[in-house]
Amino acid sequence: MYWAICLGREEIEELARREELKRKERKGTKRKSGSDLFQTLEEVFDNRTVMSLYQLINRGYIEGMRGVVKAGKESRIYWAKGTKGEDLAVKIYLTSSAEFRKSMLQYIHGDPRFKVGRDHRLMVYTWAQKEYKNLVEAARAGVRVPKPIYVYENILIMEFIGEDGVPAPLLRDLPGGEVTADLYREVAEEVDKLYRTAGLVHADLSEYNIMVPGPGSVTLIDFGQAVTKEHPMADDFLKRDVANVIRFFRRAGAEVPQEESVIEWLKRE
């Protein structure tokens, strides 16, 4: 589901002011809203998230929110503008998603970099930190990923891959004639750098989270679930990633290696 929304500095400041007033009202008191924009945002974000957005504006990371580019059960991704007019992607994890907790546990438990307790909100914050750190480590290894900029509580700011608020096409959206063996090799090179240089396994790689902005620019996205090679399920995740990629290219008619040979190549000495 996609919907248009424009939220500038003044609107976020007003929303933060209203949230402050709401906290001061007596419990059970209803208040009227004069703006469909605020009503929409209040349905998506909790009070803490609104105040976090306000903090990010005050710190100079965001000038305004322009529109939703992806809406899922676990998060929303917005096209936003920075203070210098640059395009940003702002990923906001929903702290109210119960399904999120169940799905994230297998990727956090066993990752030596993070520890989580039973508090759901803190777990979501940890997940945002995890995606940010994974992006930092992948980018440092030369993997093409959205440049990570900042993370605060359940909000991740990164480079926007696309133009004028329109995301770059996903691998799955490319015309059949563009899904070639050469393109497969580009994907394989990014996975190779991710695994061998960054020491990470994406753990959810498929045609749905590989962007292709143009020739020679394959970009891997969605790194919240990525784990280190030391994770107890790293090998299983790696095999699943490879199987997903091989299956997609093979169905498109591209000549690609067998899964076993790709795994052997990635683990070469």
C-alpha atoms as a PDB file:
ATOM      1  CA  MET A   1       0.000   0.000   0.000  1.00  0.00           C
ATOM      2  CA  TYR A   2       1.346   3.441  -0.925  1.00  0.00           C
ATOM      3  CA  TRP A   3       0.005   6.874  -0.103  1.00  0.00           C
ATOM      4  CA  ALA A   4       1.117  10.440  -0.622  1.00  0.00           C
ATOM      5  CA  ILE A   5       2.295  12.426   2.362  1.00  0.00           C
ATOM      6  CA  CYS A   6       4.300  15.622   2.729  1.00  0.00           C
ATOM      7  CA  LEU A   7       5.715  16.481   6.113  1.00  0.00           C
ATOM      8  CA  GLY A   8       8.067  19.437   6.470  1.00  0.00           C
ATOM      9  CA  ARG A   9       9.874  20.924   9.437  1.00  0.00           C
ATOM     10  CA  GLU A  10       6.889  22.998  10.566  1.00  0.00           C
ATOM     11  CA  GLU A  11       4.508  20.045  10.356  1.00  0.00           C
ATOM     12  CA  ILE A  12       6.804  17.779  12.375  1.00  0.00           C
ATOM     13  CA  GLU A  13       7.294  20.514  14.968  1.00  0.00           C
ATOM     14  CA  GLU A  14       3.524  20.961  15.177  1.00  0.00           C
ATOM     15  CA  LEU A  15       3.021  17.221  15.500  1.00  0.00           C
ATOM     16  CA  ALA A  16       5.589  17.085  18.298  1.00  0.00           C
ATOM     17  CA  ARG A  17       3.856  19.984  20.052  1.00  0.00           C
ATOM     18  CA  ARG A  18       0.533  18.197  19.837  1.00  0.00           C
ATOM     19  CA  GLU A  19       2.036  15.015  21.233  1.00  0.00           C
ATOM     20  CA  GLU A  20       3.360  17.014  24.181  1.00  0.00           C
ATOM     21  CA  LEU A  21      -0.114  18.461  24.793  1.00  0.00           C
ATOM     22  CA  LYS A  22      -1.648  15.026  24.515  1.00  0.00           C
ATOM     23  CA  ARG A  23       0.566  13.694  27.284  1.00  0.00           C
ATOM     24  CA  LYS A  24      -0.623  16.522  29.537  1.00  0.00           C
ATOM     25  CA  GLU A  25      -4.287  15.802  28.995  1.00  0.00           C
ATOM     26  CA  ARG A  26      -6.163  13.728  31.485  1.00  0.00           C
ATOM     27  CA  LYS A  27      -6.404  10.039  30.741  1.00  0.00           C
ATOM     28  CA  GLY A  28      -9.433   9.194  28.621  1.00  0.00           C
ATOM     29  CA  THR A  29      -9.935  12.704  27.256  1.00  0.00           C
ATOM     30  CA  LYS A  30     -10.449  12.793  23.521  1.00  0.00           C
ATOM     31  CA  ARG A  31      -9.249  15.682  21.412  1.00  0.00           C
ATOM     32  CA  LYS A  32     -10.238  16.783  17.950  1.00  0.00           C
ATOM     33  CA  SER A  33      -7.830  16.890  15.044  1.00  0.00           C
ATOM     34  CA  GLY A  34      -8.075  19.500  12.357  1.00  0.00           C
ATOM     35  CA  SER A  35      -5.661  17.862   9.924  1.00  0.00           C
ATOM     36  CA  ASP A  36      -5.951  14.656   7.926  1.00  0.00           C
ATOM     37  CA  LEU A  37      -2.173  14.652   7.707  1.00  0.00           C
ATOM     38  CA  PHE A  38      -1.781  14.504  11.474  1.00  0.00           C
ATOM     39  CA  GLN A  39      -4.517  11.885  11.753  1.00  0.00           C
ATOM     40  CA  THR A  40      -2.713   9.694   9.224  1.00  0.00           C
ATOM     41  CA  LEU A  41       0.613   9.996  11.000  1.00  0.00           C
ATOM     42  CA  GLU A  42      -0.900   9.363  14.412  1.00  0.00           C
ATOM     43  CA  GLU A  43      -2.326   6.089  13.098  1.00  0.00           C
ATOM     44  CA  VAL A  44       1.133   4.943  12.010  1.00  0.00           C
ATOM     45  CA  PHE A  45       3.500   6.365  14.619  1.00  0.00           C
ATOM     46  CA  ASP A  46       3.406   6.238  18.396  1.00  0.00           C
ATOM     47  CA  ASN A  47       4.243   9.268  20.542  1.00  0.00           C
ATOM     48  CA  ARG A  48       7.868   8.248  21.039  1.00  0.00           C
ATOM     49  CA  THR A  49       8.471   7.950  17.289  1.00  0.00           C
ATOM     50  CA  VAL A  50       6.982  11.383  16.616  1.00  0.00           C
ATOM     51  CA  MET A  51       9.294  12.907  19.208  1.00  0.00           C
ATOM     52  CA  SER A  52      12.252  11.029  17.704  1.00  0.00           C
ATOM     53  CA  LEU A  53      11.494  12.541  14.296  1.00  0.00           C
ATOM     54  CA  TYR A  54      11.423  15.934  15.957  1.00  0.00           C
ATOM     55  CA  GLN A  55      14.850  15.251  17.486  1.00  0.00           C
ATOM     56  CA  LEU A  56      16.275  14.290  14.093  1.00  0.00           C
ATOM     57  CA  ILE A  57      15.032  17.551  12.600  1.00  0.00           C
ATOM     58  CA  ASN A  58      16.575  19.527  15.450  1.00  0.00           C
ATOM     59  CA  ARG A  59      19.882  17.725  14.944  1.00  0.00           C
ATOM     60  CA  GLY A  60      19.914  18.642  11.262  1.00  0.00           C
ATOM     61  CA  TYR A  61      19.528  15.182   9.750  1.00  0.00           C
ATOM     62  CA  ILE A  62      16.095  15.682   8.157  1.00  0.00           C
ATOM     63  CA  GLU A  63      14.465  18.745   6.643  1.00  0.00           C
ATOM     64  CA  GLY A  64      11.155  17.107   5.749  1.00  0.00           C
ATOM     65  CA  MET A  65       9.359  13.884   4.888  1.00  0.00           C
ATOM     66  CA  ARG A  66       8.021  13.687   1.353  1.00  0.00           C
ATOM     67  CA  GLY A  67       6.234  10.383   0.876  1.00  0.00           C
ATOM     68  CA  VAL A  68       5.968   6.670   1.624  1.00  0.00           C
ATOM     69  CA  VAL A  69       7.834   4.496  -0.856  1.00  0.00           C
ATOM     70  CA  LYS A  70       7.324   1.162   0.890  1.00  0.00           C
ATOM     71  CA  ALA A  71       4.886   0.090   3.583  1.00  0.00           C
ATOM     72  CA  GLY A  72       5.222  -3.293   5.255  1.00  0.00           C
ATOM     73  CA  LYS A  73       4.086  -5.021   8.418  1.00  0.00           C
ATOM     74  CA  GLU A  74       7.361  -4.259  10.186  1.00  0.00           C
ATOM     75  CA  SER A  75       8.380  -0.852   8.865  1.00  0.00           C
ATOM     76  CA  ARG A  76       7.672   2.129   6.626  1.00  0.00           C
ATOM     77  CA  ILE A  77      10.253   3.623   4.281  1.00  0.00           C
ATOM     78  CA  TYR A  78       9.900   7.301   3.443  1.00  0.00           C
ATOM     79  CA  TRP A  79      11.473   9.508   0.830  1.00  0.00           C
ATOM     80  CA  ALA A  80      12.807  12.503   2.736  1.00  0.00           C
ATOM     81  CA  LYS A  81      14.931  15.579   2.187  1.00  0.00           C
ATOM     82  CA  GLY A  82      18.083  16.516   4.050  1.00  0.00           C
ATOM     83  CA  THR A  83      19.025  20.032   5.061  1.00  0.00           C
ATOM     84  CA  LYS A  84      21.162  20.395   1.913  1.00  0.00           C
ATOM     85  CA  GLY A  85      18.346  19.229  -0.353  1.00  0.00           C
ATOM     86  CA  GLU A  86      19.712  15.704  -0.712  1.00  0.00           C
ATOM     87  CA  ASP A  87      17.367  12.736  -1.082  1.00  0.00           C
ATOM     88  CA  LEU A  88      17.189  10.434   1.914  1.00  0.00           C
ATOM     89  CA  ALA A  89      15.473   7.179   2.767  1.00  0.00           C
ATOM     90  CA  VAL A  90      14.032   7.151   6.292  1.00  0.00           C
ATOM     91  CA  LYS A  91      13.133   3.693   7.544  1.00  0.00           C
ATOM     92  CA  ILE A  92      10.857   3.667  10.585  1.00  0.00           C
ATOM     93  CA  TYR A  93      10.350   0.366  12.342  1.00  0.00           C
ATOM     94  CA  LEU A  94       6.907  -0.054  13.863  1.00  0.00           C
ATOM     95  CA  THR A  95       7.170  -0.633  17.593  1.00  0.00           C
ATOM     96  CA  SER A  96       3.631  -2.060  17.689  1.00  0.00           C
ATOM     97  CA  SER A  97       4.247  -5.028  15.376  1.00  0.00           C
ATOM     98  CA  ALA A  98       3.911  -8.255  17.350  1.00  0.00           C
ATOM     99  CA  GLU A  99       4.910 -10.362  14.327  1.00  0.00           C
ATOM    100  CA  PHE A 100       8.143  -8.407  14.149  1.00  0.00           C
ATOM    101  CA  ARG A 101       9.323  -9.777  17.480  1.00  0.00           C
ATOM    102  CA  LYS A 102       8.767 -13.370  16.423  1.00  0.00           C
ATOM    103  CA  SER A 103      10.571 -12.976  13.107  1.00  0.00           C
ATOM    104  CA  MET A 104      13.619 -11.119  14.444  1.00  0.00           C
ATOM    105  CA  LEU A 105      14.621 -13.446  17.269  1.00  0.00           C
ATOM    106  CA  GLN A 106      16.416 -16.027  15.125  1.00  0.00           C
ATOM    107  CA  TYR A 107      18.589 -13.310  13.595  1.00  0.00           C
ATOM    108  CA  ILE A 108      19.541 -11.594  16.868  1.00  0.00           C
ATOM    109  CA  HIS A 109      20.076 -14.589  19.134  1.00  0.00           C
ATOM    110  CA  GLY A 110      23.471 -15.968  18.230  1.00  0.00           C
ATOM    111  CA  ASP A 111      24.794 -12.686  16.854  1.00  0.00           C
ATOM    112  CA  PRO A 112      27.710 -11.856  19.200  1.00  0.00           C
ATOM    113  CA  ARG A 113      27.361  -8.121  18.481  1.00  0.00           C
ATOM    114  CA  PHE A 114      23.931  -7.711  20.079  1.00  0.00           C
ATOM    115  CA  LYS A 115      22.045  -8.737  23.181  1.00  0.00           C
ATOM    116  CA  VAL A 116      18.336  -8.265  23.736  1.00  0.00           C
ATOM    117  CA  GLY A 117      15.924  -8.803  26.575  1.00  0.00           C
ATOM    118  CA  ARG A 118      12.186  -9.216  26.610  1.00  0.00           C
ATOM    119  CA  ASP A 119      11.237  -5.568  26.149  1.00  0.00           C
ATOM    120  CA  HIS A 120       9.717  -5.308  22.679  1.00  0.00           C
ATOM    121  CA  ARG A 121      10.510  -1.630  22.104  1.00  0.00           C
ATOM    122  CA  LEU A 122      14.160  -2.099  23.046  1.00  0.00           C
ATOM    123  CA  MET A 123      14.321  -5.091  20.728  1.00  0.00           C
ATOM    124  CA  VAL A 124      13.072  -2.943  17.839  1.00  0.00           C
ATOM    125  CA  TYR A 125      15.682  -0.307  18.697  1.00  0.00           C
ATOM    126  CA  THR A 126      18.348  -3.021  18.668  1.00  0.00           C
ATOM    127  CA  TRP A 127      17.118  -4.182  15.263  1.00  0.00           C
ATOM    128  CA  ALA A 128      17.506  -0.657  13.869  1.00  0.00           C
ATOM    129  CA  GLN A 129      21.023  -0.493  15.313  1.00  0.00           C
ATOM    130  CA  LYS A 130      21.739  -3.889  13.801  1.00  0.00           C
ATOM    131  CA  GLU A 131      20.722  -2.804  10.304  1.00  0.00           C
ATOM    132  CA  TYR A 132      22.776   0.374  10.616  1.00  0.00           C
ATOM    133  CA  LYS A 133      25.880  -1.531  11.746  1.00  0.00           C
ATOM    134  CA  ASN A 134      25.446  -4.120   8.989  1.00  0.00           C
ATOM    135  CA  LEU A 135      25.243  -1.349   6.384  1.00  0.00           C
ATOM    136  CA  VAL A 136      28.341   0.333   7.814  1.00  0.00           C
ATOM    137  CA  GLU A 137      30.340  -2.899   7.701  1.00  0.00           C
ATOM    138  CA  ALA A 138      29.103  -3.787   4.214  1.00  0.00           C
ATOM    139  CA  ALA A 139      29.887  -0.315   2.854  1.00  0.00           C
ATOM    140  CA  ARG A 140      33.341  -0.420   4.437  1.00  0.00           C
ATOM    141  CA  ALA A 141      33.965  -3.687   2.572  1.00  0.00           C
ATOM    142  CA  GLY A 142      33.060  -2.066  -0.744  1.00  0.00           C
ATOM    143  CA  VAL A 143      29.634  -3.675  -1.089  1.00  0.00           C
ATOM    144  CA  ARG A 144      27.095  -1.526  -2.930  1.00  0.00           C
ATOM    145  CA  VAL A 145      24.471  -0.712  -0.299  1.00  0.00           C
ATOM    146  CA  PRO A 146      22.521   2.426   0.633  1.00  0.00           C
ATOM    147  CA  LYS A 147      24.974   4.660   2.471  1.00  0.00           C
ATOM    148  CA  PRO A 148      24.076   4.591   6.186  1.00  0.00           C
ATOM    149  CA  ILE A 149      23.786   8.080   7.670  1.00  0.00           C
ATOM    150  CA  TYR A 150      22.322   7.883  11.176  1.00  0.00           C
ATOM    151  CA  VAL A 151      20.217   5.725  13.458  1.00  0.00           C
ATOM    152  CA  TYR A 152      18.141   6.880  16.406  1.00  0.00           C
ATOM    153  CA  GLU A 153      15.839   4.593  18.375  1.00  0.00           C
ATOM    154  CA  ASN A 154      13.577   2.956  15.733  1.00  0.00           C
ATOM    155  CA  ILE A 155      14.512   5.329  12.878  1.00  0.00           C
ATOM    156  CA  LEU A 156      17.244   4.642  10.323  1.00  0.00           C
ATOM    157  CA  ILE A 157      18.390   7.311   7.861  1.00  0.00           C
ATOM    158  CA  MET A 158      20.246   6.263   4.726  1.00  0.00           C
ATOM    159  CA  GLU A 159      20.906   7.140   1.119  1.00  0.00           C
ATOM    160  CA  PHE A 160      17.882   7.079  -1.187  1.00  0.00           C
ATOM    161  CA  ILE A 161      18.471   4.760  -4.122  1.00  0.00           C
ATOM    162  CA  GLY A 162      16.419   6.267  -6.947  1.00  0.00           C
ATOM    163  CA  GLU A 163      15.434   9.654  -8.351  1.00  0.00           C
ATOM    164  CA  ASP A 164      12.829  12.250  -7.340  1.00  0.00           C
ATOM    165  CA  GLY A 165      11.213   9.973  -4.782  1.00  0.00           C
ATOM    166  CA  VAL A 166      10.937   7.030  -7.182  1.00  0.00           C
ATOM    167  CA  PRO A 167      12.950   4.027  -5.963  1.00  0.00           C
ATOM    168  CA  ALA A 168      15.312   2.280  -8.365  1.00  0.00           C
ATOM    169  CA  PRO A 169      13.832  -0.917  -9.824  1.00  0.00           C
ATOM    170  CA  LEU A 170      14.177  -4.174  -7.959  1.00  0.00           C
ATOM    171  CA  LEU A 171      15.740  -7.168  -9.649  1.00  0.00           C
ATOM    172  CA  ARG A 172      12.296  -8.771  -9.815  1.00  0.00           C
ATOM    173  CA  ASP A 173      10.923  -5.792 -11.787  1.00  0.00           C
ATOM    174  CA  LEU A 174      13.438  -5.914 -14.629  1.00  0.00           C
ATOM    175  CA  PRO A 175      12.300  -7.018 -18.099  1.00  0.00           C
ATOM    176  CA  GLY A 176      13.242 -10.615 -18.811  1.00  0.00           C
ATOM    177  CA  GLY A 177      15.809  -9.628 -21.405  1.00  0.00           C
ATOM    178  CA  GLU A 178      17.801  -7.718 -18.786  1.00  0.00           C
ATOM    179  CA  VAL A 179      18.098 -10.668 -16.398  1.00  0.00           C
ATOM    180  CA  THR A 180      21.308 -12.059 -17.848  1.00  0.00           C
ATOM    181  CA  ALA A 181      24.319 -14.090 -16.814  1.00  0.00           C
ATOM    182  CA  ASP A 182      26.330 -10.862 -16.712  1.00  0.00           C
ATOM    183  CA  LEU A 183      23.866  -9.371 -14.241  1.00  0.00           C
ATOM    184  CA  TYR A 184      24.093 -12.543 -12.153  1.00  0.00           C
ATOM    185  CA  ARG A 185      27.863 -12.114 -11.993  1.00  0.00           C
ATOM    186  CA  GLU A 186      27.382  -8.562 -10.703  1.00  0.00           C
ATOM    187  CA  VAL A 187      25.137  -9.857  -7.928  1.00  0.00           C
ATOM    188  CA  ALA A 188      27.589 -12.652  -7.128  1.00  0.00           C
ATOM    189  CA  GLU A 189      30.458 -10.161  -6.813  1.00  0.00           C
ATOM    190  CA  GLU A 190      28.514  -8.129  -4.241  1.00  0.00           C
ATOM    191  CA  VAL A 191      27.638 -11.270  -2.268  1.00  0.00           C
ATOM    192  CA  ASP A 192      31.292 -12.317  -2.421  1.00  0.00           C
ATOM    193  CA  LYS A 193      32.470  -8.993  -0.943  1.00  0.00           C
ATOM    194  CA  LEU A 194      29.740  -9.154   1.678  1.00  0.00           C
ATOM    195  CA  TYR A 195      30.707 -12.667   2.795  1.00  0.00           C
ATOM    196  CA  ARG A 196      34.477 -12.720   2.411  1.00  0.00           C
ATOM    197  CA  THR A 197      35.415  -9.102   3.174  1.00  0.00           C
ATOM    198  CA  ALA A 198      32.629  -7.875   5.472  1.00  0.00           C
ATOM    199  CA  GLY A 199      32.149 -11.302   7.072  1.00  0.00           C
ATOM    200  CA  LEU A 200      28.370 -11.037   6.773  1.00  0.00           C
ATOM    201  CA  VAL A 201      25.549 -13.171   5.422  1.00  0.00           C
ATOM    202  CA  HIS A 202      22.534 -11.216   4.184  1.00  0.00           C
ATOM    203  CA  ALA A 203      20.164 -13.967   5.381  1.00  0.00           C
ATOM    204  CA  ASP A 204      17.177 -12.797   3.320  1.00  0.00           C
ATOM    205  CA  LEU A 205      18.613 -12.231  -0.129  1.00  0.00           C
ATOM    206  CA  SER A 206      16.290 -12.538  -3.112  1.00  0.00           C
ATOM    207  CA  GLU A 207      15.080 -10.629  -6.149  1.00  0.00           C
ATOM    208  CA  TYR A 208      12.971  -8.521  -3.750  1.00  0.00           C
ATOM    209  CA  ASN A 209      15.910  -6.832  -2.016  1.00  0.00           C
ATOM    210  CA  ILE A 210      18.389  -6.325  -4.836  1.00  0.00           C
ATOM    211  CA  MET A 211      18.099  -2.975  -6.608  1.00  0.00           C
ATOM    212  CA  VAL A 212      19.404  -2.283 -10.104  1.00  0.00           C
ATOM    213  CA  PRO A 213      19.636   1.512 -10.578  1.00  0.00           C
ATOM    214  CA  GLY A 214      21.521   1.075 -13.833  1.00  0.00           C
ATOM    215  CA  PRO A 215      24.282  -0.911 -15.580  1.00  0.00           C
ATOM    216  CA  GLY A 216      27.007  -1.962 -13.183  1.00  0.00           C
ATOM    217  CA  SER A 217      25.222  -0.625 -10.118  1.00  0.00           C
ATOM    218  CA  VAL A 218      23.608  -3.620  -8.411  1.00  0.00           C
ATOM    219  CA  THR A 219      22.736  -2.577  -4.845  1.00  0.00           C
ATOM    220  CA  LEU A 220      21.847  -4.875  -1.948  1.00  0.00           C
ATOM    221  CA  ILE A 221      19.225  -3.564   0.497  1.00  0.00           C
ATOM    222  CA  ASP A 222      17.344  -4.592   3.680  1.00  0.00           C
ATOM    223  CA  PHE A 223      20.115  -5.584   6.083  1.00  0.00           C
ATOM    224  CA  GLY A 224      18.287  -5.845   9.388  1.00  0.00           C
ATOM    225  CA  GLN A 225      18.486  -9.628   9.490  1.00  0.00           C
ATOM    226  CA  ALA A 226      22.089  -9.935   8.235  1.00  0.00           C
ATOM    227  CA  VAL A 227      24.352 -11.948  10.546  1.00  0.00           C
ATOM    228  CA  THR A 228      28.079 -12.517  10.962  1.00  0.00           C
ATOM    229  CA  LYS A 229      29.727 -15.695   9.736  1.00  0.00           C
ATOM    230  CA  GLU A 230      30.013 -16.731  13.387  1.00  0.00           C
ATOM    231  CA  HIS A 231      26.234 -16.936  13.799  1.00  0.00           C
ATOM    232  CA  PRO A 232      25.169 -20.576  14.406  1.00  0.00           C
ATOM    233  CA  MET A 233      22.780 -20.461  11.417  1.00  0.00           C
ATOM    234  CA  ALA A 234      25.084 -18.518   9.062  1.00  0.00           C
ATOM    235  CA  ASP A 235      25.698 -21.484   6.771  1.00  0.00           C
ATOM    236  CA  ASP A 236      21.999 -22.235   6.469  1.00  0.00           C
ATOM    237  CA  PHE A 237      21.241 -18.596   5.710  1.00  0.00           C
ATOM    238  CA  LEU A 238      24.023 -18.444   3.105  1.00  0.00           C
ATOM    239  CA  LYS A 239      22.695 -21.535   1.325  1.00  0.00           C
ATOM    240  CA  ARG A 240      19.205 -20.042   1.294  1.00  0.00           C
ATOM    241  CA  ASP A 241      20.491 -16.740  -0.112  1.00  0.00           C
ATOM    242  CA  VAL A 242      22.370 -18.490  -2.897  1.00  0.00           C
ATOM    243  CA  ALA A 243      19.434 -20.772  -3.688  1.00  0.00           C
ATOM    244  CA  ASN A 244      17.063 -17.790  -3.979  1.00  0.00           C
ATOM    245  CA  VAL A 245      19.352 -15.900  -6.368  1.00  0.00           C
ATOM    246  CA  ILE A 246      20.160 -18.936  -8.512  1.00  0.00           C
ATOM    247  CA  ARG A 247      16.495 -19.903  -8.728  1.00  0.00           C
ATOM    248  CA  PHE A 248      15.463 -16.441  -9.916  1.00  0.00           C
ATOM    249  CA  PHE A 249      18.094 -16.189 -12.645  1.00  0.00           C
ATOM    250  CA  ARG A 250      17.512 -19.755 -13.791  1.00  0.00           C
ATOM    251  CA  ARG A 251      13.782 -19.143 -14.156  1.00  0.00           C
ATOM    252  CA  ALA A 252      14.599 -16.089 -16.264  1.00  0.00           C
ATOM    253  CA  GLY A 253      16.635 -18.295 -18.612  1.00  0.00           C
ATOM    254  CA  ALA A 254      20.103 -17.107 -17.608  1.00  0.00           C
ATOM    255  CA  GLU A 255      22.965 -19.594 -17.492  1.00  0.00           C
ATOM    256  CA  VAL A 256      24.168 -19.697 -13.900  1.00  0.00           C
ATOM    257  CA  PRO A 257      26.288 -22.123 -11.825  1.00  0.00           C
ATOM    258  CA  GLN A 258      24.960 -24.818  -9.532  1.00  0.00           C
ATOM    259  CA  GLU A 259      24.262 -23.781  -5.961  1.00  0.00           C
ATOM    260  CA  GLU A 260      26.932 -26.083  -4.541  1.00  0.00           C
ATOM    261  CA  SER A 261      29.655 -24.610  -6.723  1.00  0.00           C
ATOM    262  CA  VAL A 262      28.678 -21.072  -5.711  1.00  0.00           C
ATOM    263  CA  ILE A 263      28.891 -21.969  -2.006  1.00  0.00           C
ATOM    264  CA  GLU A 264      32.282 -23.589  -2.587  1.00  0.00           C
ATOM    265  CA  TRP A 265      33.465 -20.456  -4.447  1.00  0.00           C
ATOM    266  CA  LEU A 266      32.325 -18.161  -1.627  1.00  0.00           C
ATOM    267  CA  LYS A 267      34.131 -20.288   0.959  1.00  0.00           C
ATOM    268  CA  ARG A 268      37.346 -20.650  -1.026  1.00  0.00           C
ATOM    269  CA  GLU A 269      40.651 -20.203   0.815  1.00  0.00           C
END
